[in-house]
Amino acid sequence: MSDHEGNLGVEGREAFGRRDGRVPYNPDNQPNAEHHLYVCTQESEAFIKHIVFRDILRQHTHLVDEYAEIKKKLATIYRDNRQA
């Protein structure tokens, strides 16, 4: 089952989240999205930003490790607060 979640604050992009009985619930007993699918046109600012970010990481491989470390650190600090 998937739910349309609107643009989640990003203009030019629509988000869909998959929720079903196999997806864990958070402490507030609300279903978490197991997967998100983002849909946007090639002309949208959201798409262009994703592509620019991807290309920067491809061109500057040293940033990949730095980015990964930041994500790991934040995942530990905000383990129970995805929004943060």
PDB file of N, CA and C in Angstrom:
ATOM      1  N   MET A   1       0.842  -1.169   0.000  1.00  0.00           N
ATOM      2  CA  MET A   1       0.000   0.000   0.000  1.00  0.00           C
ATOM      3  C   MET A   1       0.891   1.237   0.000  1.00  0.00           C
ATOM      4  N   SER A   2       0.592   2.210  -0.834  1.00  0.00           N
ATOM      5  CA  SER A   2       1.376   3.447  -0.836  1.00  0.00           C
ATOM      6  C   SER A   2       0.436   4.634  -0.646  1.00  0.00           C
ATOM      7  N   ASP A   3       0.979   5.640  -0.018  1.00  0.00           N
ATOM      8  CA  ASP A   3       0.218   6.848   0.268  1.00  0.00           C
ATOM      9  C   ASP A   3       0.884   8.032  -0.403  1.00  0.00           C
ATOM     10  N   HIS A   4       0.077   8.870  -1.044  1.00  0.00           N
ATOM     11  CA  HIS A   4       0.598  10.116  -1.586  1.00  0.00           C
ATOM     12  C   HIS A   4       0.815  11.060  -0.419  1.00  0.00           C
ATOM     13  N   GLU A   5       2.003  11.624  -0.307  1.00  0.00           N
ATOM     14  CA  GLU A   5       2.347  12.468   0.834  1.00  0.00           C
ATOM     15  C   GLU A   5       2.539  13.933   0.448  1.00  0.00           C
ATOM     16  N   GLY A   6       2.106  14.295  -0.745  1.00  0.00           N
ATOM     17  CA  GLY A   6       2.297  15.672  -1.190  1.00  0.00           C
ATOM     18  C   GLY A   6       3.745  15.919  -1.568  1.00  0.00           C
ATOM     19  N   ASN A   7       4.173  17.168  -1.479  1.00  0.00           N
ATOM     20  CA  ASN A   7       5.548  17.476  -1.878  1.00  0.00           C
ATOM     21  C   ASN A   7       6.526  17.470  -0.707  1.00  0.00           C
ATOM     22  N   LEU A   8       6.045  17.272   0.500  1.00  0.00           N
ATOM     23  CA  LEU A   8       6.884  17.255   1.709  1.00  0.00           C
ATOM     24  C   LEU A   8       7.796  18.482   1.777  1.00  0.00           C
ATOM     25  N   GLY A   9       7.267  19.604   1.340  1.00  0.00           N
ATOM     26  CA  GLY A   9       8.007  20.858   1.436  1.00  0.00           C
ATOM     27  C   GLY A   9       8.959  21.145   0.294  1.00  0.00           C
ATOM     28  N   VAL A  10       8.967  20.308  -0.725  1.00  0.00           N
ATOM     29  CA  VAL A  10       9.853  20.528  -1.869  1.00  0.00           C
ATOM     30  C   VAL A  10       8.987  20.748  -3.108  1.00  0.00           C
ATOM     31  N   GLU A  11       8.948  21.991  -3.557  1.00  0.00           N
ATOM     32  CA  GLU A  11       8.134  22.312  -4.729  1.00  0.00           C
ATOM     33  C   GLU A  11       8.652  21.575  -5.957  1.00  0.00           C
ATOM     34  N   GLY A  12       7.739  21.133  -6.800  1.00  0.00           N
ATOM     35  CA  GLY A  12       8.125  20.448  -8.024  1.00  0.00           C
ATOM     36  C   GLY A  12       8.411  18.974  -7.845  1.00  0.00           C
ATOM     37  N   ARG A  13       8.070  18.443  -6.676  1.00  0.00           N
ATOM     38  CA  ARG A  13       8.308  17.027  -6.390  1.00  0.00           C
ATOM     39  C   ARG A  13       7.111  16.472  -5.639  1.00  0.00           C
ATOM     40  N   GLU A  14       6.730  15.261  -5.943  1.00  0.00           N
ATOM     41  CA  GLU A  14       5.658  14.579  -5.212  1.00  0.00           C
ATOM     42  C   GLU A  14       6.243  13.336  -4.553  1.00  0.00           C
ATOM     43  N   ALA A  15       5.799  13.058  -3.337  1.00  0.00           N
ATOM     44  CA  ALA A  15       6.334  11.935  -2.569  1.00  0.00           C
ATOM     45  C   ALA A  15       5.250  10.895  -2.327  1.00  0.00           C
ATOM     46  N   PHE A  16       5.665   9.648  -2.347  1.00  0.00           N
ATOM     47  CA  PHE A  16       4.793   8.514  -2.053  1.00  0.00           C
ATOM     48  C   PHE A  16       5.520   7.622  -1.059  1.00  0.00           C
ATOM     49  N   GLY A  17       4.809   7.177  -0.023  1.00  0.00           N
ATOM     50  CA  GLY A  17       5.414   6.309   0.981  1.00  0.00           C
ATOM     51  C   GLY A  17       4.695   4.980   1.046  1.00  0.00           C
ATOM     52  N   ARG A  18       5.454   3.898   1.188  1.00  0.00           N
ATOM     53  CA  ARG A  18       4.869   2.559   1.302  1.00  0.00           C
ATOM     54  C   ARG A  18       4.703   2.220   2.776  1.00  0.00           C
ATOM     55  N   ARG A  19       3.495   1.828   3.133  1.00  0.00           N
ATOM     56  CA  ARG A  19       3.194   1.419   4.513  1.00  0.00           C
ATOM     57  C   ARG A  19       2.335   0.167   4.444  1.00  0.00           C
ATOM     58  N   ASP A  20       2.713  -0.819   5.222  1.00  0.00           N
ATOM     59  CA  ASP A  20       1.883  -2.013   5.335  1.00  0.00           C
ATOM     60  C   ASP A  20       2.221  -2.731   6.634  1.00  0.00           C
ATOM     61  N   GLY A  21       1.671  -3.893   6.827  1.00  0.00           N
ATOM     62  CA  GLY A  21       1.850  -4.626   8.067  1.00  0.00           C
ATOM     63  C   GLY A  21       3.266  -5.063   8.357  1.00  0.00           C
ATOM     64  N   ARG A  22       4.118  -5.047   7.347  1.00  0.00           N
ATOM     65  CA  ARG A  22       5.512  -5.455   7.561  1.00  0.00           C
ATOM     66  C   ARG A  22       6.426  -4.289   7.909  1.00  0.00           C
ATOM     67  N   VAL A  23       5.906  -3.075   7.894  1.00  0.00           N
ATOM     68  CA  VAL A  23       6.713  -1.896   8.188  1.00  0.00           C
ATOM     69  C   VAL A  23       6.601  -1.579   9.674  1.00  0.00           C
ATOM     70  N   PRO A  24       7.734  -1.371  10.360  1.00  0.00           N
ATOM     71  CA  PRO A  24       7.674  -1.101  11.813  1.00  0.00           C
ATOM     72  C   PRO A  24       6.961   0.199  12.148  1.00  0.00           C
ATOM     73  N   TYR A  25       6.429   0.261  13.340  1.00  0.00           N
ATOM     74  CA  TYR A  25       5.754   1.449  13.845  1.00  0.00           C
ATOM     75  C   TYR A  25       6.685   2.198  14.785  1.00  0.00           C
ATOM     76  N   ASN A  26       6.523   3.502  14.865  1.00  0.00           N
ATOM     77  CA  ASN A  26       7.361   4.305  15.751  1.00  0.00           C
ATOM     78  C   ASN A  26       6.768   4.311  17.158  1.00  0.00           C
ATOM     79  N   PRO A  27       7.447   4.938  18.130  1.00  0.00           N
ATOM     80  CA  PRO A  27       6.943   4.946  19.510  1.00  0.00           C
ATOM     81  C   PRO A  27       5.537   5.534  19.670  1.00  0.00           C
ATOM     82  N   ASP A  28       5.117   6.399  18.741  1.00  0.00           N
ATOM     83  CA  ASP A  28       3.777   6.983  18.815  1.00  0.00           C
ATOM     84  C   ASP A  28       2.745   6.092  18.144  1.00  0.00           C
ATOM     85  N   ASN A  29       3.148   4.872  17.782  1.00  0.00           N
ATOM     86  CA  ASN A  29       2.291   3.884  17.147  1.00  0.00           C
ATOM     87  C   ASN A  29       1.760   4.358  15.792  1.00  0.00           C
ATOM     88  N   GLN A  30       2.560   5.170  15.117  1.00  0.00           N
ATOM     89  CA  GLN A  30       2.230   5.622  13.773  1.00  0.00           C
ATOM     90  C   GLN A  30       3.090   4.845  12.779  1.00  0.00           C
ATOM     91  N   PRO A  31       2.529   4.466  11.643  1.00  0.00           N
ATOM     92  CA  PRO A  31       3.332   3.693  10.690  1.00  0.00           C
ATOM     93  C   PRO A  31       4.433   4.535  10.057  1.00  0.00           C
ATOM     94  N   ASN A  32       5.604   3.966   9.980  1.00  0.00           N
ATOM     95  CA  ASN A  32       6.712   4.591   9.274  1.00  0.00           C
ATOM     96  C   ASN A  32       6.643   4.202   7.805  1.00  0.00           C
ATOM     97  N   ALA A  33       7.186   5.018   6.964  1.00  0.00           N
ATOM     98  CA  ALA A  33       7.271   4.659   5.554  1.00  0.00           C
ATOM     99  C   ALA A  33       8.500   3.775   5.354  1.00  0.00           C
ATOM    100  N   GLU A  34       8.297   2.622   4.752  1.00  0.00           N
ATOM    101  CA  GLU A  34       9.424   1.732   4.483  1.00  0.00           C
ATOM    102  C   GLU A  34      10.241   2.263   3.313  1.00  0.00           C
ATOM    103  N   HIS A  35       9.547   2.780   2.329  1.00  0.00           N
ATOM    104  CA  HIS A  35      10.207   3.322   1.153  1.00  0.00           C
ATOM    105  C   HIS A  35       9.533   4.632   0.775  1.00  0.00           C
ATOM    106  N   HIS A  36      10.317   5.526   0.231  1.00  0.00           N
ATOM    107  CA  HIS A  36       9.766   6.736  -0.360  1.00  0.00           C
ATOM    108  C   HIS A  36      10.111   6.732  -1.841  1.00  0.00           C
ATOM    109  N   LEU A  37       9.174   7.128  -2.634  1.00  0.00           N
ATOM    110  CA  LEU A  37       9.374   7.314  -4.061  1.00  0.00           C
ATOM    111  C   LEU A  37       9.086   8.774  -4.349  1.00  0.00           C
ATOM    112  N   TYR A  38      10.047   9.452  -4.952  1.00  0.00           N
ATOM    113  CA  TYR A  38       9.876  10.854  -5.298  1.00  0.00           C
ATOM    114  C   TYR A  38       9.732  10.965  -6.808  1.00  0.00           C
ATOM    115  N   VAL A  39       8.746  11.723  -7.245  1.00  0.00           N
ATOM    116  CA  VAL A  39       8.470  11.895  -8.662  1.00  0.00           C
ATOM    117  C   VAL A  39       8.544  13.387  -8.989  1.00  0.00           C
ATOM    118  N   CYS A  40       9.311  13.704 -10.031  1.00  0.00           N
ATOM    119  CA  CYS A  40       9.387  15.088 -10.480  1.00  0.00           C
ATOM    120  C   CYS A  40       9.760  15.117 -11.957  1.00  0.00           C
ATOM    121  N   THR A  41       9.528  16.235 -12.576  1.00  0.00           N
ATOM    122  CA  THR A  41       9.889  16.372 -13.985  1.00  0.00           C
ATOM    123  C   THR A  41      11.364  16.740 -14.099  1.00  0.00           C
ATOM    124  N   GLN A  42      11.922  16.511 -15.284  1.00  0.00           N
ATOM    125  CA  GLN A  42      13.334  16.838 -15.509  1.00  0.00           C
ATOM    126  C   GLN A  42      13.596  18.340 -15.440  1.00  0.00           C
ATOM    127  N   GLU A  43      12.564  19.131 -15.603  1.00  0.00           N
ATOM    128  CA  GLU A  43      12.729  20.580 -15.574  1.00  0.00           C
ATOM    129  C   GLU A  43      12.598  21.157 -14.170  1.00  0.00           C
ATOM    130  N   SER A  44      12.173  20.353 -13.221  1.00  0.00           N
ATOM    131  CA  SER A  44      11.925  20.882 -11.878  1.00  0.00           C
ATOM    132  C   SER A  44      13.231  21.196 -11.154  1.00  0.00           C
ATOM    133  N   GLU A  45      13.166  22.195 -10.291  1.00  0.00           N
ATOM    134  CA  GLU A  45      14.330  22.575  -9.491  1.00  0.00           C
ATOM    135  C   GLU A  45      14.769  21.419  -8.595  1.00  0.00           C
ATOM    136  N   ALA A  46      13.808  20.656  -8.076  1.00  0.00           N
ATOM    137  CA  ALA A  46      14.136  19.515  -7.212  1.00  0.00           C
ATOM    138  C   ALA A  46      14.998  18.502  -7.956  1.00  0.00           C
ATOM    139  N   PHE A  47      14.620  18.172  -9.183  1.00  0.00           N
ATOM    140  CA  PHE A  47      15.385  17.210  -9.981  1.00  0.00           C
ATOM    141  C   PHE A  47      16.778  17.748 -10.272  1.00  0.00           C
ATOM    142  N   ILE A  48      16.857  18.995 -10.682  1.00  0.00           N
ATOM    143  CA  ILE A  48      18.147  19.593 -11.023  1.00  0.00           C
ATOM    144  C   ILE A  48      19.085  19.586  -9.806  1.00  0.00           C
ATOM    145  N   LYS A  49      18.557  19.901  -8.623  1.00  0.00           N
ATOM    146  CA  LYS A  49      19.388  19.875  -7.411  1.00  0.00           C
ATOM    147  C   LYS A  49      19.922  18.469  -7.130  1.00  0.00           C
ATOM    148  N   HIS A  50      19.096  17.458  -7.307  1.00  0.00           N
ATOM    149  CA  HIS A  50      19.550  16.078  -7.096  1.00  0.00           C
ATOM    150  C   HIS A  50      20.675  15.730  -8.059  1.00  0.00           C
ATOM    151  N   ILE A  51      20.525  16.110  -9.315  1.00  0.00           N
ATOM    152  CA  ILE A  51      21.533  15.791 -10.325  1.00  0.00           C
ATOM    153  C   ILE A  51      22.833  16.545 -10.055  1.00  0.00           C
ATOM    154  N   VAL A  52      22.737  17.812  -9.681  1.00  0.00           N
ATOM    155  CA  VAL A  52      23.934  18.594  -9.360  1.00  0.00           C
ATOM    156  C   VAL A  52      24.659  17.970  -8.174  1.00  0.00           C
ATOM    157  N   PHE A  53      23.924  17.586  -7.135  1.00  0.00           N
ATOM    158  CA  PHE A  53      24.523  16.952  -5.956  1.00  0.00           C
ATOM    159  C   PHE A  53      25.221  15.648  -6.346  1.00  0.00           C
ATOM    160  N   ARG A  54      24.544  14.825  -7.137  1.00  0.00           N
ATOM    161  CA  ARG A  54      25.135  13.572  -7.614  1.00  0.00           C
ATOM    162  C   ARG A  54      26.430  13.835  -8.374  1.00  0.00           C
ATOM    163  N   ASP A  55      26.395  14.802  -9.278  1.00  0.00           N
ATOM    164  CA  ASP A  55      27.562  15.087 -10.102  1.00  0.00           C
ATOM    165  C   ASP A  55      28.738  15.612  -9.279  1.00  0.00           C
ATOM    166  N   ILE A  56      28.444  16.418  -8.260  1.00  0.00           N
ATOM    167  CA  ILE A  56      29.517  16.908  -7.378  1.00  0.00           C
ATOM    168  C   ILE A  56      30.187  15.736  -6.673  1.00  0.00           C
ATOM    169  N   LEU A  57      29.394  14.798  -6.150  1.00  0.00           N
ATOM    170  CA  LEU A  57      29.978  13.629  -5.479  1.00  0.00           C
ATOM    171  C   LEU A  57      30.790  12.775  -6.448  1.00  0.00           C
ATOM    172  N   ARG A  58      30.344  12.667  -7.675  1.00  0.00           N
ATOM    173  CA  ARG A  58      31.091  11.904  -8.679  1.00  0.00           C
ATOM    174  C   ARG A  58      32.418  12.573  -9.032  1.00  0.00           C
ATOM    175  N   GLN A  59      32.417  13.883  -9.078  1.00  0.00           N
ATOM    176  CA  GLN A  59      33.622  14.617  -9.467  1.00  0.00           C
ATOM    177  C   GLN A  59      34.611  14.793  -8.319  1.00  0.00           C
ATOM    178  N   HIS A  60      34.123  14.781  -7.103  1.00  0.00           N
ATOM    179  CA  HIS A  60      34.961  15.018  -5.924  1.00  0.00           C
ATOM    180  C   HIS A  60      34.787  13.843  -4.958  1.00  0.00           C
ATOM    181  N   THR A  61      35.444  12.746  -5.283  1.00  0.00           N
ATOM    182  CA  THR A  61      35.215  11.502  -4.534  1.00  0.00           C
ATOM    183  C   THR A  61      35.572  11.613  -3.054  1.00  0.00           C
ATOM    184  N   HIS A  62      36.452  12.536  -2.695  1.00  0.00           N
ATOM    185  CA  HIS A  62      36.768  12.709  -1.278  1.00  0.00           C
ATOM    186  C   HIS A  62      35.545  13.165  -0.478  1.00  0.00           C
ATOM    187  N   LEU A  63      34.617  13.826  -1.139  1.00  0.00           N
ATOM    188  CA  LEU A  63      33.399  14.277  -0.457  1.00  0.00           C
ATOM    189  C   LEU A  63      32.455  13.124  -0.132  1.00  0.00           C
ATOM    190  N   VAL A  64      32.561  12.031  -0.865  1.00  0.00           N
ATOM    191  CA  VAL A  64      31.682  10.877  -0.623  1.00  0.00           C
ATOM    192  C   VAL A  64      31.889  10.350   0.782  1.00  0.00           C
ATOM    193  N   ASP A  65      33.154  10.169   1.179  1.00  0.00           N
ATOM    194  CA  ASP A  65      33.445   9.669   2.529  1.00  0.00           C
ATOM    195  C   ASP A  65      33.010  10.651   3.603  1.00  0.00           C
ATOM    196  N   GLU A  66      33.243  11.945   3.358  1.00  0.00           N
ATOM    197  CA  GLU A  66      32.820  12.952   4.328  1.00  0.00           C
ATOM    198  C   GLU A  66      31.297  12.946   4.491  1.00  0.00           C
ATOM    199  N   TYR A  67      30.603  12.875   3.377  1.00  0.00           N
ATOM    200  CA  TYR A  67      29.136  12.845   3.397  1.00  0.00           C
ATOM    201  C   TYR A  67      28.632  11.602   4.126  1.00  0.00           C
ATOM    202  N   ALA A  68      29.252  10.462   3.855  1.00  0.00           N
ATOM    203  CA  ALA A  68      28.855   9.215   4.520  1.00  0.00           C
ATOM    204  C   ALA A  68      29.062   9.310   6.030  1.00  0.00           C
ATOM    205  N   GLU A  69      30.174   9.889   6.453  1.00  0.00           N
ATOM    206  CA  GLU A  69      30.446  10.017   7.887  1.00  0.00           C
ATOM    207  C   GLU A  69      29.444  10.941   8.573  1.00  0.00           C
ATOM    208  N   ILE A  70      29.106  12.031   7.918  1.00  0.00           N
ATOM    209  CA  ILE A  70      28.109  12.951   8.475  1.00  0.00           C
ATOM    210  C   ILE A  70      26.765  12.237   8.626  1.00  0.00           C
ATOM    211  N   LYS A  71      26.358  11.488   7.605  1.00  0.00           N
ATOM    212  CA  LYS A  71      25.075  10.776   7.666  1.00  0.00           C
ATOM    213  C   LYS A  71      25.074   9.736   8.785  1.00  0.00           C
ATOM    214  N   LYS A  72      26.175   9.012   8.949  1.00  0.00           N
ATOM    215  CA  LYS A  72      26.276   8.011  10.023  1.00  0.00           C
ATOM    216  C   LYS A  72      26.199   8.676  11.393  1.00  0.00           C
ATOM    217  N   LYS A  73      26.902   9.784  11.551  1.00  0.00           N
ATOM    218  CA  LYS A  73      26.896  10.501  12.829  1.00  0.00           C
ATOM    219  C   LYS A  73      25.491  10.999  13.157  1.00  0.00           C
ATOM    220  N   LEU A  74      24.833  11.619  12.189  1.00  0.00           N
ATOM    221  CA  LEU A  74      23.480  12.124  12.419  1.00  0.00           C
ATOM    222  C   LEU A  74      22.488  10.994  12.675  1.00  0.00           C
ATOM    223  N   ALA A  75      22.675   9.853  11.994  1.00  0.00           N
ATOM    224  CA  ALA A  75      21.792   8.703  12.209  1.00  0.00           C
ATOM    225  C   ALA A  75      21.917   8.187  13.630  1.00  0.00           C
ATOM    226  N   THR A  76      23.099   8.279  14.205  1.00  0.00           N
ATOM    227  CA  THR A  76      23.304   7.846  15.595  1.00  0.00           C
ATOM    228  C   THR A  76      22.706   8.855  16.564  1.00  0.00           C
ATOM    229  N   ILE A  77      23.002  10.131  16.347  1.00  0.00           N
ATOM    230  CA  ILE A  77      22.521  11.186  17.250  1.00  0.00           C
ATOM    231  C   ILE A  77      21.000  11.273  17.240  1.00  0.00           C
ATOM    232  N   TYR A  78      20.416  11.188  16.047  1.00  0.00           N
ATOM    233  CA  TYR A  78      18.970  11.369  15.902  1.00  0.00           C
ATOM    234  C   TYR A  78      18.269  10.065  15.554  1.00  0.00           C
ATOM    235  N   ARG A  79      18.706   9.003  16.156  1.00  0.00           N
ATOM    236  CA  ARG A  79      18.180   7.666  15.840  1.00  0.00           C
ATOM    237  C   ARG A  79      16.655   7.602  15.906  1.00  0.00           C
ATOM    238  N   ASP A  80      16.092   8.234  16.898  1.00  0.00           N
ATOM    239  CA  ASP A  80      14.644   8.159  17.096  1.00  0.00           C
ATOM    240  C   ASP A  80      13.908   9.415  16.633  1.00  0.00           C
ATOM    241  N   ASN A  81      14.598  10.255  15.867  1.00  0.00           N
ATOM    242  CA  ASN A  81      13.992  11.496  15.407  1.00  0.00           C
ATOM    243  C   ASN A  81      14.418  11.748  13.957  1.00  0.00           C
ATOM    244  N   ARG A  82      13.804  11.050  13.041  1.00  0.00           N
ATOM    245  CA  ARG A  82      14.187  11.138  11.630  1.00  0.00           C
ATOM    246  C   ARG A  82      14.080  12.562  11.099  1.00  0.00           C
ATOM    247  N   GLN A  83      13.078  13.286  11.528  1.00  0.00           N
ATOM    248  CA  GLN A  83      12.880  14.651  11.041  1.00  0.00           C
ATOM    249  C   GLN A  83      14.071  15.534  11.400  1.00  0.00           C
ATOM    250  N   ALA A  84      14.623  15.358  12.589  1.00  0.00           N
ATOM    251  CA  ALA A  84      15.783  16.165  13.024  1.00  0.00           C
ATOM    252  C   ALA A  84      16.991  15.845  12.183  1.00  0.00           C
TER     253      ALA A  84
END
